[in-house]
Amino acid sequence: MRCGDYIESQYYNPKTGVQGGRIVTIDICAICYENEDIVQADEIRNNRDIGGKNPLLVCRYCFDKGFEIPCSGGRINVKQKHDQDQRTKRRQLDDHVRCGRRKGRKNN
């Protein structure tokens, strides 16, 4: 790990002990290392387009400021990526309709 890098997903603190073969750690922000007011991964997935990746936890301040969400190096969940792409397209269409750049679709 180098100065200025995000905390790796393998962050651990061996003093806290081991439970079930895994090292138990406290949740901390992957950007600023804060351990209070952590935004959970489900909320990050629902509110940000992260391409179906698994987000690392961040604090509310970093989340609200719009910092790029660091993600683990794991595989991409194709269904979540598709759902996020659909939400992005829907949000863009709504913005274009609101600004008058495109006509809205008729709902029958």
PDB file of N, CA and C in Angstrom:
ATOM      1  N   MET A   1       0.845  -1.170   0.000  1.00  0.00           N
ATOM      2  CA  MET A   1       0.000   0.000   0.000  1.00  0.00           C
ATOM      3  C   MET A   1       0.894   1.236   0.000  1.00  0.00           C
ATOM      4  N   ARG A   2       0.506   2.216  -0.805  1.00  0.00           N
ATOM      5  CA  ARG A   2       1.262   3.452  -0.914  1.00  0.00           C
ATOM      6  C   ARG A   2       0.430   4.612  -0.387  1.00  0.00           C
ATOM      7  N   CYS A   3       1.096   5.679  -0.026  1.00  0.00           N
ATOM      8  CA  CYS A   3       0.411   6.878   0.458  1.00  0.00           C
ATOM      9  C   CYS A   3      -0.492   7.417  -0.647  1.00  0.00           C
ATOM     10  N   GLY A   4      -1.710   7.740  -0.320  1.00  0.00           N
ATOM     11  CA  GLY A   4      -2.650   8.285  -1.285  1.00  0.00           C
ATOM     12  C   GLY A   4      -3.540   7.237  -1.927  1.00  0.00           C
ATOM     13  N   ASP A   5      -3.240   5.946  -1.758  1.00  0.00           N
ATOM     14  CA  ASP A   5      -4.074   4.882  -2.303  1.00  0.00           C
ATOM     15  C   ASP A   5      -5.254   4.638  -1.375  1.00  0.00           C
ATOM     16  N   TYR A   6      -6.320   4.090  -1.947  1.00  0.00           N
ATOM     17  CA  TYR A   6      -7.448   3.677  -1.128  1.00  0.00           C
ATOM     18  C   TYR A   6      -7.022   2.494  -0.271  1.00  0.00           C
ATOM     19  N   ILE A   7      -7.725   2.288   0.814  1.00  0.00           N
ATOM     20  CA  ILE A   7      -7.452   1.123   1.646  1.00  0.00           C
ATOM     21  C   ILE A   7      -7.853  -0.109   0.847  1.00  0.00           C
ATOM     22  N   GLU A   8      -6.997  -1.072   0.820  1.00  0.00           N
ATOM     23  CA  GLU A   8      -7.297  -2.301   0.096  1.00  0.00           C
ATOM     24  C   GLU A   8      -8.424  -3.054   0.790  1.00  0.00           C
ATOM     25  N   SER A   9      -9.122  -3.878   0.012  1.00  0.00           N
ATOM     26  CA  SER A   9     -10.212  -4.650   0.592  1.00  0.00           C
ATOM     27  C   SER A   9      -9.683  -5.686   1.582  1.00  0.00           C
ATOM     28  N   GLN A  10      -8.387  -5.951   1.574  1.00  0.00           N
ATOM     29  CA  GLN A  10      -7.797  -6.916   2.496  1.00  0.00           C
ATOM     30  C   GLN A  10      -7.391  -6.266   3.818  1.00  0.00           C
ATOM     31  N   TYR A  11      -7.900  -5.061   4.090  1.00  0.00           N
ATOM     32  CA  TYR A  11      -7.587  -4.369   5.336  1.00  0.00           C
ATOM     33  C   TYR A  11      -7.898  -5.277   6.522  1.00  0.00           C
ATOM     34  N   TYR A  12      -7.020  -5.304   7.482  1.00  0.00           N
ATOM     35  CA  TYR A  12      -7.280  -6.097   8.680  1.00  0.00           C
ATOM     36  C   TYR A  12      -6.526  -5.532   9.871  1.00  0.00           C
ATOM     37  N   ASN A  13      -6.974  -5.940  11.043  1.00  0.00           N
ATOM     38  CA  ASN A  13      -6.339  -5.563  12.287  1.00  0.00           C
ATOM     39  C   ASN A  13      -6.232  -6.831  13.124  1.00  0.00           C
ATOM     40  N   PRO A  14      -5.084  -7.475  13.140  1.00  0.00           N
ATOM     41  CA  PRO A  14      -4.980  -8.775  13.798  1.00  0.00           C
ATOM     42  C   PRO A  14      -5.223  -8.736  15.305  1.00  0.00           C
ATOM     43  N   LYS A  15      -5.227  -7.576  15.934  1.00  0.00           N
ATOM     44  CA  LYS A  15      -5.452  -7.489  17.379  1.00  0.00           C
ATOM     45  C   LYS A  15      -6.907  -7.753  17.743  1.00  0.00           C
ATOM     46  N   THR A  16      -7.823  -7.624  16.789  1.00  0.00           N
ATOM     47  CA  THR A  16      -9.236  -7.799  17.100  1.00  0.00           C
ATOM     48  C   THR A  16      -9.649  -9.255  17.130  1.00  0.00           C
ATOM     49  N   GLY A  17      -8.822 -10.158  16.641  1.00  0.00           N
ATOM     50  CA  GLY A  17      -9.116 -11.582  16.756  1.00  0.00           C
ATOM     51  C   GLY A  17      -9.659 -12.183  15.491  1.00  0.00           C
ATOM     52  N   VAL A  18      -9.874 -13.481  15.557  1.00  0.00           N
ATOM     53  CA  VAL A  18     -10.343 -14.246  14.415  1.00  0.00           C
ATOM     54  C   VAL A  18     -11.653 -14.921  14.780  1.00  0.00           C
ATOM     55  N   GLN A  19     -12.592 -14.931  13.839  1.00  0.00           N
ATOM     56  CA  GLN A  19     -13.886 -15.564  14.073  1.00  0.00           C
ATOM     57  C   GLN A  19     -14.220 -16.416  12.849  1.00  0.00           C
ATOM     58  N   GLY A  20     -14.331 -17.714  13.040  1.00  0.00           N
ATOM     59  CA  GLY A  20     -14.657 -18.602  11.930  1.00  0.00           C
ATOM     60  C   GLY A  20     -13.600 -18.624  10.843  1.00  0.00           C
ATOM     61  N   GLY A  21     -12.345 -18.460  11.189  1.00  0.00           N
ATOM     62  CA  GLY A  21     -11.274 -18.470  10.209  1.00  0.00           C
ATOM     63  C   GLY A  21     -11.067 -17.150   9.502  1.00  0.00           C
ATOM     64  N   ARG A  22     -11.897 -16.153   9.797  1.00  0.00           N
ATOM     65  CA  ARG A  22     -11.766 -14.839   9.168  1.00  0.00           C
ATOM     66  C   ARG A  22     -11.383 -13.809  10.211  1.00  0.00           C
ATOM     67  N   ILE A  23     -10.612 -12.855   9.824  1.00  0.00           N
ATOM     68  CA  ILE A  23     -10.199 -11.789  10.731  1.00  0.00           C
ATOM     69  C   ILE A  23     -11.354 -10.803  10.880  1.00  0.00           C
ATOM     70  N   VAL A  24     -11.712 -10.474  12.104  1.00  0.00           N
ATOM     71  CA  VAL A  24     -12.811  -9.558  12.394  1.00  0.00           C
ATOM     72  C   VAL A  24     -12.248  -8.139  12.477  1.00  0.00           C
ATOM     73  N   THR A  25     -12.845  -7.225  11.730  1.00  0.00           N
ATOM     74  CA  THR A  25     -12.395  -5.829  11.734  1.00  0.00           C
ATOM     75  C   THR A  25     -13.599  -4.909  11.915  1.00  0.00           C
ATOM     76  N   ILE A  26     -13.330  -3.673  12.265  1.00  0.00           N
ATOM     77  CA  ILE A  26     -14.391  -2.673  12.307  1.00  0.00           C
ATOM     78  C   ILE A  26     -14.553  -2.106  10.904  1.00  0.00           C
ATOM     79  N   ASP A  27     -15.749  -1.625  10.581  1.00  0.00           N
ATOM     80  CA  ASP A  27     -15.986  -1.005   9.280  1.00  0.00           C
ATOM     81  C   ASP A  27     -15.391   0.394   9.285  1.00  0.00           C
ATOM     82  N   ILE A  28     -14.596   0.701   8.269  1.00  0.00           N
ATOM     83  CA  ILE A  28     -14.018   2.034   8.126  1.00  0.00           C
ATOM     84  C   ILE A  28     -14.203   2.511   6.692  1.00  0.00           C
ATOM     85  N   CYS A  29     -14.122   3.814   6.488  1.00  0.00           N
ATOM     86  CA  CYS A  29     -14.233   4.413   5.168  1.00  0.00           C
ATOM     87  C   CYS A  29     -12.976   4.089   4.360  1.00  0.00           C
ATOM     88  N   ALA A  30     -13.157   3.626   3.143  1.00  0.00           N
ATOM     89  CA  ALA A  30     -12.037   3.258   2.289  1.00  0.00           C
ATOM     90  C   ALA A  30     -11.326   4.482   1.716  1.00  0.00           C
ATOM     91  N   ILE A  31     -11.874   5.674   1.927  1.00  0.00           N
ATOM     92  CA  ILE A  31     -11.259   6.885   1.392  1.00  0.00           C
ATOM     93  C   ILE A  31     -10.555   7.678   2.484  1.00  0.00           C
ATOM     94  N   CYS A  32     -11.261   7.963   3.587  1.00  0.00           N
ATOM     95  CA  CYS A  32     -10.688   8.843   4.618  1.00  0.00           C
ATOM     96  C   CYS A  32     -10.402   8.123   5.939  1.00  0.00           C
ATOM     97  N   TYR A  33     -10.662   6.821   6.008  1.00  0.00           N
ATOM     98  CA  TYR A  33     -10.379   5.992   7.183  1.00  0.00           C
ATOM     99  C   TYR A  33     -11.263   6.289   8.394  1.00  0.00           C
ATOM    100  N   GLU A  34     -12.331   7.050   8.216  1.00  0.00           N
ATOM    101  CA  GLU A  34     -13.260   7.358   9.309  1.00  0.00           C
ATOM    102  C   GLU A  34     -14.060   6.103   9.639  1.00  0.00           C
ATOM    103  N   ASN A  35     -14.416   5.911  10.917  1.00  0.00           N
ATOM    104  CA  ASN A  35     -15.169   4.721  11.287  1.00  0.00           C
ATOM    105  C   ASN A  35     -16.574   5.029  11.786  1.00  0.00           C
ATOM    106  N   GLU A  36     -17.057   6.256  11.589  1.00  0.00           N
ATOM    107  CA  GLU A  36     -18.406   6.623  12.010  1.00  0.00           C
ATOM    108  C   GLU A  36     -19.260   6.952  10.800  1.00  0.00           C
ATOM    109  N   ASP A  37     -20.547   6.698  10.899  1.00  0.00           N
ATOM    110  CA  ASP A  37     -21.533   7.014   9.864  1.00  0.00           C
ATOM    111  C   ASP A  37     -21.159   6.376   8.522  1.00  0.00           C
ATOM    112  N   ILE A  38     -20.993   5.064   8.534  1.00  0.00           N
ATOM    113  CA  ILE A  38     -20.603   4.311   7.342  1.00  0.00           C
ATOM    114  C   ILE A  38     -21.838   4.002   6.495  1.00  0.00           C
ATOM    115  N   VAL A  39     -21.739   4.238   5.182  1.00  0.00           N
ATOM    116  CA  VAL A  39     -22.807   3.920   4.240  1.00  0.00           C
ATOM    117  C   VAL A  39     -22.634   2.459   3.827  1.00  0.00           C
ATOM    118  N   GLN A  40     -23.694   1.679   3.921  1.00  0.00           N
ATOM    119  CA  GLN A  40     -23.619   0.261   3.602  1.00  0.00           C
ATOM    120  C   GLN A  40     -23.597   0.032   2.094  1.00  0.00           C
ATOM    121  N   ALA A  41     -23.115  -1.126   1.692  1.00  0.00           N
ATOM    122  CA  ALA A  41     -22.926  -1.450   0.277  1.00  0.00           C
ATOM    123  C   ALA A  41     -24.241  -1.423  -0.511  1.00  0.00           C
ATOM    124  N   ASP A  42     -25.356  -1.838   0.097  1.00  0.00           N
ATOM    125  CA  ASP A  42     -26.640  -1.832  -0.612  1.00  0.00           C
ATOM    126  C   ASP A  42     -27.059  -0.418  -1.003  1.00  0.00           C
ATOM    127  N   GLU A  43     -26.869   0.528  -0.105  1.00  0.00           N
ATOM    128  CA  GLU A  43     -27.223   1.917  -0.415  1.00  0.00           C
ATOM    129  C   GLU A  43     -26.316   2.477  -1.508  1.00  0.00           C
ATOM    130  N   ILE A  44     -25.047   2.102  -1.489  1.00  0.00           N
ATOM    131  CA  ILE A  44     -24.123   2.556  -2.529  1.00  0.00           C
ATOM    132  C   ILE A  44     -24.561   2.005  -3.883  1.00  0.00           C
ATOM    133  N   ARG A  45     -24.903   0.705  -3.925  1.00  0.00           N
ATOM    134  CA  ARG A  45     -25.337   0.089  -5.185  1.00  0.00           C
ATOM    135  C   ARG A  45     -26.610   0.733  -5.718  1.00  0.00           C
ATOM    136  N   ASN A  46     -27.528   1.116  -4.835  1.00  0.00           N
ATOM    137  CA  ASN A  46     -28.800   1.693  -5.274  1.00  0.00           C
ATOM    138  C   ASN A  46     -28.669   3.137  -5.739  1.00  0.00           C
ATOM    139  N   ASN A  47     -27.699   3.878  -5.212  1.00  0.00           N
ATOM    140  CA  ASN A  47     -27.615   5.304  -5.509  1.00  0.00           C
ATOM    141  C   ASN A  47     -26.477   5.698  -6.443  1.00  0.00           C
ATOM    142  N   ARG A  48     -25.563   4.811  -6.708  1.00  0.00           N
ATOM    143  CA  ARG A  48     -24.430   5.121  -7.589  1.00  0.00           C
ATOM    144  C   ARG A  48     -24.272   4.042  -8.642  1.00  0.00           C
ATOM    145  N   ASP A  49     -23.802   4.435  -9.816  1.00  0.00           N
ATOM    146  CA  ASP A  49     -23.512   3.477 -10.871  1.00  0.00           C
ATOM    147  C   ASP A  49     -22.073   3.016 -10.708  1.00  0.00           C
ATOM    148  N   ILE A  50     -21.895   1.797 -10.222  1.00  0.00           N
ATOM    149  CA  ILE A  50     -20.548   1.271  -9.994  1.00  0.00           C
ATOM    150  C   ILE A  50     -20.256   0.093 -10.906  1.00  0.00           C
ATOM    151  N   GLY A  51     -21.090  -0.117 -11.922  1.00  0.00           N
ATOM    152  CA  GLY A  51     -20.820  -1.131 -12.928  1.00  0.00           C
ATOM    153  C   GLY A  51     -20.941  -2.561 -12.442  1.00  0.00           C
ATOM    154  N   GLY A  52     -21.762  -2.822 -11.437  1.00  0.00           N
ATOM    155  CA  GLY A  52     -21.958  -4.171 -10.953  1.00  0.00           C
ATOM    156  C   GLY A  52     -20.843  -4.688 -10.067  1.00  0.00           C
ATOM    157  N   LYS A  53     -19.895  -3.834  -9.728  1.00  0.00           N
ATOM    158  CA  LYS A  53     -18.781  -4.265  -8.877  1.00  0.00           C
ATOM    159  C   LYS A  53     -19.192  -4.243  -7.412  1.00  0.00           C
ATOM    160  N   ASN A  54     -18.358  -4.809  -6.554  1.00  0.00           N
ATOM    161  CA  ASN A  54     -18.615  -4.810  -5.117  1.00  0.00           C
ATOM    162  C   ASN A  54     -17.941  -3.587  -4.495  1.00  0.00           C
ATOM    163  N   PRO A  55     -18.734  -2.623  -4.001  1.00  0.00           N
ATOM    164  CA  PRO A  55     -18.140  -1.408  -3.457  1.00  0.00           C
ATOM    165  C   PRO A  55     -17.521  -1.637  -2.082  1.00  0.00           C
ATOM    166  N   LEU A  56     -16.437  -0.914  -1.821  1.00  0.00           N
ATOM    167  CA  LEU A  56     -15.886  -0.874  -0.468  1.00  0.00           C
ATOM    168  C   LEU A  56     -16.696   0.151   0.309  1.00  0.00           C
ATOM    169  N   LEU A  57     -16.744   0.024   1.620  1.00  0.00           N
ATOM    170  CA  LEU A  57     -17.548   0.917   2.444  1.00  0.00           C
ATOM    171  C   LEU A  57     -16.926   2.310   2.503  1.00  0.00           C
ATOM    172  N   VAL A  58     -17.786   3.330   2.502  1.00  0.00           N
ATOM    173  CA  VAL A  58     -17.347   4.716   2.639  1.00  0.00           C
ATOM    174  C   VAL A  58     -18.210   5.404   3.689  1.00  0.00           C
ATOM    175  N   CYS A  59     -17.722   6.510   4.214  1.00  0.00           N
ATOM    176  CA  CYS A  59     -18.499   7.266   5.201  1.00  0.00           C
ATOM    177  C   CYS A  59     -19.521   8.154   4.485  1.00  0.00           C
ATOM    178  N   ARG A  60     -20.473   8.656   5.222  1.00  0.00           N
ATOM    179  CA  ARG A  60     -21.531   9.496   4.664  1.00  0.00           C
ATOM    180  C   ARG A  60     -20.960  10.768   4.032  1.00  0.00           C
ATOM    181  N   TYR A  61     -19.941  11.361   4.645  1.00  0.00           N
ATOM    182  CA  TYR A  61     -19.348  12.594   4.119  1.00  0.00           C
ATOM    183  C   TYR A  61     -18.769  12.361   2.724  1.00  0.00           C
ATOM    184  N   CYS A  62     -17.960  11.319   2.559  1.00  0.00           N
ATOM    185  CA  CYS A  62     -17.348  11.035   1.258  1.00  0.00           C
ATOM    186  C   CYS A  62     -18.411  10.659   0.227  1.00  0.00           C
ATOM    187  N   PHE A  63     -19.448   9.941   0.657  1.00  0.00           N
ATOM    188  CA  PHE A  63     -20.533   9.547  -0.236  1.00  0.00           C
ATOM    189  C   PHE A  63     -21.292  10.772  -0.726  1.00  0.00           C
ATOM    190  N   ASP A  64     -21.629  11.682   0.198  1.00  0.00           N
ATOM    191  CA  ASP A  64     -22.387  12.878  -0.167  1.00  0.00           C
ATOM    192  C   ASP A  64     -21.571  13.859  -1.000  1.00  0.00           C
ATOM    193  N   LYS A  65     -20.255  13.875  -0.816  1.00  0.00           N
ATOM    194  CA  LYS A  65     -19.396  14.770  -1.598  1.00  0.00           C
ATOM    195  C   LYS A  65     -19.198  14.292  -3.030  1.00  0.00           C
ATOM    196  N   GLY A  66     -19.596  13.052  -3.311  1.00  0.00           N
ATOM    197  CA  GLY A  66     -19.527  12.545  -4.677  1.00  0.00           C
ATOM    198  C   GLY A  66     -18.177  11.974  -5.070  1.00  0.00           C
ATOM    199  N   PHE A  67     -17.364  11.584  -4.096  1.00  0.00           N
ATOM    200  CA  PHE A  67     -16.088  10.964  -4.416  1.00  0.00           C
ATOM    201  C   PHE A  67     -16.328   9.650  -5.152  1.00  0.00           C
ATOM    202  N   GLU A  68     -15.380   9.272  -5.996  1.00  0.00           N
ATOM    203  CA  GLU A  68     -15.480   7.995  -6.695  1.00  0.00           C
ATOM    204  C   GLU A  68     -15.448   6.864  -5.675  1.00  0.00           C
ATOM    205  N   ILE A  69     -16.364   5.928  -5.801  1.00  0.00           N
ATOM    206  CA  ILE A  69     -16.472   4.823  -4.858  1.00  0.00           C
ATOM    207  C   ILE A  69     -15.450   3.749  -5.233  1.00  0.00           C
ATOM    208  N   PRO A  70     -14.525   3.421  -4.336  1.00  0.00           N
ATOM    209  CA  PRO A  70     -13.573   2.349  -4.633  1.00  0.00           C
ATOM    210  C   PRO A  70     -14.276   0.995  -4.551  1.00  0.00           C
ATOM    211  N   CYS A  71     -13.885   0.089  -5.423  1.00  0.00           N
ATOM    212  CA  CYS A  71     -14.507  -1.227  -5.477  1.00  0.00           C
ATOM    213  C   CYS A  71     -13.454  -2.307  -5.307  1.00  0.00           C
ATOM    214  N   SER A  72     -13.906  -3.473  -4.864  1.00  0.00           N
ATOM    215  CA  SER A  72     -12.992  -4.596  -4.713  1.00  0.00           C
ATOM    216  C   SER A  72     -12.644  -5.145  -6.095  1.00  0.00           C
ATOM    217  N   GLY A  73     -11.647  -5.977  -6.142  1.00  0.00           N
ATOM    218  CA  GLY A  73     -11.209  -6.539  -7.407  1.00  0.00           C
ATOM    219  C   GLY A  73     -11.963  -7.786  -7.809  1.00  0.00           C
ATOM    220  N   GLY A  74     -13.096  -8.055  -7.180  1.00  0.00           N
ATOM    221  CA  GLY A  74     -13.864  -9.260  -7.471  1.00  0.00           C
ATOM    222  C   GLY A  74     -14.582  -9.179  -8.805  1.00  0.00           C
ATOM    223  N   ARG A  75     -15.312 -10.245  -9.114  1.00  0.00           N
ATOM    224  CA  ARG A  75     -16.043 -10.319 -10.371  1.00  0.00           C
ATOM    225  C   ARG A  75     -17.206  -9.343 -10.397  1.00  0.00           C
ATOM    226  N   ILE A  76     -17.620  -8.994 -11.597  1.00  0.00           N
ATOM    227  CA  ILE A  76     -18.752  -8.094 -11.804  1.00  0.00           C
ATOM    228  C   ILE A  76     -20.038  -8.907 -11.782  1.00  0.00           C
ATOM    229  N   ASN A  77     -21.031  -8.418 -11.057  1.00  0.00           N
ATOM    230  CA  ASN A  77     -22.351  -9.033 -11.037  1.00  0.00           C
ATOM    231  C   ASN A  77     -23.105  -8.493 -12.251  1.00  0.00           C
ATOM    232  N   VAL A  78     -23.332  -9.350 -13.254  1.00  0.00           N
ATOM    233  CA  VAL A  78     -23.903  -8.922 -14.528  1.00  0.00           C
ATOM    234  C   VAL A  78     -25.316  -8.387 -14.349  1.00  0.00           C
ATOM    235  N   LYS A  79     -26.123  -9.001 -13.498  1.00  0.00           N
ATOM    236  CA  LYS A  79     -27.492  -8.525 -13.284  1.00  0.00           C
ATOM    237  C   LYS A  79     -27.495  -7.132 -12.661  1.00  0.00           C
ATOM    238  N   GLN A  80     -26.650  -6.912 -11.644  1.00  0.00           N
ATOM    239  CA  GLN A  80     -26.589  -5.584 -11.026  1.00  0.00           C
ATOM    240  C   GLN A  80     -26.091  -4.552 -12.023  1.00  0.00           C
ATOM    241  N   LYS A  81     -25.129  -4.908 -12.867  1.00  0.00           N
ATOM    242  CA  LYS A  81     -24.616  -3.983 -13.875  1.00  0.00           C
ATOM    243  C   LYS A  81     -25.729  -3.605 -14.848  1.00  0.00           C
ATOM    244  N   HIS A  82     -26.523  -4.598 -15.290  1.00  0.00           N
ATOM    245  CA  HIS A  82     -27.634  -4.338 -16.203  1.00  0.00           C
ATOM    246  C   HIS A  82     -28.672  -3.422 -15.545  1.00  0.00           C
ATOM    247  N   ASP A  83     -29.030  -3.711 -14.296  1.00  0.00           N
ATOM    248  CA  ASP A  83     -30.004  -2.878 -13.581  1.00  0.00           C
ATOM    249  C   ASP A  83     -29.507  -1.444 -13.424  1.00  0.00           C
ATOM    250  N   GLN A  84     -28.216  -1.282 -13.106  1.00  0.00           N
ATOM    251  CA  GLN A  84     -27.659   0.058 -12.951  1.00  0.00           C
ATOM    252  C   GLN A  84     -27.636   0.797 -14.287  1.00  0.00           C
ATOM    253  N   ASP A  85     -27.327   0.084 -15.387  1.00  0.00           N
ATOM    254  CA  ASP A  85     -27.345   0.708 -16.710  1.00  0.00           C
ATOM    255  C   ASP A  85     -28.746   1.172 -17.079  1.00  0.00           C
ATOM    256  N   GLN A  86     -29.761   0.355 -16.775  1.00  0.00           N
ATOM    257  CA  GLN A  86     -31.146   0.729 -17.065  1.00  0.00           C
ATOM    258  C   GLN A  86     -31.571   1.951 -16.263  1.00  0.00           C
ATOM    259  N   ARG A  87     -31.191   2.005 -14.978  1.00  0.00           N
ATOM    260  CA  ARG A  87     -31.519   3.180 -14.152  1.00  0.00           C
ATOM    261  C   ARG A  87     -30.840   4.433 -14.698  1.00  0.00           C
ATOM    262  N   THR A  88     -29.594   4.296 -15.159  1.00  0.00           N
ATOM    263  CA  THR A  88     -28.867   5.438 -15.712  1.00  0.00           C
ATOM    264  C   THR A  88     -29.549   5.945 -16.971  1.00  0.00           C
ATOM    265  N   LYS A  89     -29.939   5.041 -17.861  1.00  0.00           N
ATOM    266  CA  LYS A  89     -30.624   5.449 -19.093  1.00  0.00           C
ATOM    267  C   LYS A  89     -31.948   6.123 -18.782  1.00  0.00           C
ATOM    268  N   ARG A  90     -32.704   5.576 -17.830  1.00  0.00           N
ATOM    269  CA  ARG A  90     -33.995   6.149 -17.451  1.00  0.00           C
ATOM    270  C   ARG A  90     -33.809   7.550 -16.859  1.00  0.00           C
ATOM    271  N   ARG A  91     -32.787   7.705 -16.015  1.00  0.00           N
ATOM    272  CA  ARG A  91     -32.522   9.011 -15.408  1.00  0.00           C
ATOM    273  C   ARG A  91     -32.102  10.035 -16.471  1.00  0.00           C
ATOM    274  N   GLN A  92     -31.287   9.607 -17.447  1.00  0.00           N
ATOM    275  CA  GLN A  92     -30.864  10.507 -18.518  1.00  0.00           C
ATOM    276  C   GLN A  92     -32.055  10.927 -19.378  1.00  0.00           C
ATOM    277  N   LEU A  93     -32.944   9.978 -19.704  1.00  0.00           N
ATOM    278  CA  LEU A  93     -34.131  10.301 -20.495  1.00  0.00           C
ATOM    279  C   LEU A  93     -35.012  11.294 -19.754  1.00  0.00           C
ATOM    280  N   ASP A  94     -35.221  11.075 -18.462  1.00  0.00           N
ATOM    281  CA  ASP A  94     -36.032  12.000 -17.670  1.00  0.00           C
ATOM    282  C   ASP A  94     -35.422  13.402 -17.663  1.00  0.00           C
ATOM    283  N   ASP A  95     -34.082  13.481 -17.566  1.00  0.00           N
ATOM    284  CA  ASP A  95     -33.417  14.787 -17.591  1.00  0.00           C
ATOM    285  C   ASP A  95     -33.596  15.480 -18.939  1.00  0.00           C
ATOM    286  N   HIS A  96     -33.499  14.711 -20.039  1.00  0.00           N
ATOM    287  CA  HIS A  96     -33.669  15.297 -21.368  1.00  0.00           C
ATOM    288  C   HIS A  96     -35.100  15.776 -21.585  1.00  0.00           C
ATOM    289  N   VAL A  97     -36.079  15.011 -21.114  1.00  0.00           N
ATOM    290  CA  VAL A  97     -37.479  15.406 -21.243  1.00  0.00           C
ATOM    291  C   VAL A  97     -37.737  16.660 -20.421  1.00  0.00           C
ATOM    292  N   ARG A  98     -37.208  16.712 -19.206  1.00  0.00           N
ATOM    293  CA  ARG A  98     -37.403  17.866 -18.329  1.00  0.00           C
ATOM    294  C   ARG A  98     -36.824  19.139 -18.936  1.00  0.00           C
ATOM    295  N   CYS A  99     -35.681  19.016 -19.612  1.00  0.00           N
ATOM    296  CA  CYS A  99     -35.025  20.185 -20.220  1.00  0.00           C
ATOM    297  C   CYS A  99     -35.613  20.541 -21.582  1.00  0.00           C
ATOM    298  N   GLY A 100     -36.487  19.694 -22.122  1.00  0.00           N
ATOM    299  CA  GLY A 100     -37.111  19.981 -23.404  1.00  0.00           C
ATOM    300  C   GLY A 100     -36.283  19.533 -24.592  1.00  0.00           C
ATOM    301  N   ARG A 101     -35.241  18.772 -24.400  1.00  0.00           N
ATOM    302  CA  ARG A 101     -34.423  18.313 -25.510  1.00  0.00           C
ATOM    303  C   ARG A 101     -34.999  17.076 -26.180  1.00  0.00           C
ATOM    304  N   ARG A 102     -35.989  16.454 -25.551  1.00  0.00           N
ATOM    305  CA  ARG A 102     -36.560  15.244 -26.106  1.00  0.00           C
ATOM    306  C   ARG A 102     -37.991  15.125 -25.617  1.00  0.00           C
ATOM    307  N   LYS A 103     -38.843  14.573 -26.478  1.00  0.00           N
ATOM    308  CA  LYS A 103     -40.237  14.364 -26.094  1.00  0.00           C
ATOM    309  C   LYS A 103     -40.369  13.138 -25.242  1.00  0.00           C
ATOM    310  N   GLY A 104     -41.256  13.212 -24.292  1.00  0.00           N
ATOM    311  CA  GLY A 104     -41.522  12.058 -23.447  1.00  0.00           C
ATOM    312  C   GLY A 104     -42.339  11.009 -24.184  1.00  0.00           C
ATOM    313  N   ARG A 105     -42.271   9.791 -23.743  1.00  0.00           N
ATOM    314  CA  ARG A 105     -43.038   8.703 -24.352  1.00  0.00           C
ATOM    315  C   ARG A 105     -44.439   8.675 -23.771  1.00  0.00           C
ATOM    316  N   LYS A 106     -45.385   8.268 -24.602  1.00  0.00           N
ATOM    317  CA  LYS A 106     -46.755   8.144 -24.131  1.00  0.00           C
ATOM    318  C   LYS A 106     -46.893   6.850 -23.345  1.00  0.00           C
ATOM    319  N   ASN A 107     -47.536   6.922 -22.222  1.00  0.00           N
ATOM    320  CA  ASN A 107     -47.816   5.735 -21.423  1.00  0.00           C
ATOM    321  C   ASN A 107     -49.272   5.375 -21.578  1.00  0.00           C
ATOM    322  N   ASN A 108     -49.532   4.215 -22.157  1.00  0.00           N
ATOM    323  CA  ASN A 108     -50.923   3.765 -22.363  1.00  0.00           C
ATOM    324  C   ASN A 108     -51.345   2.817 -21.300  1.00  0.00           C
TER     325      ASN A 108
END
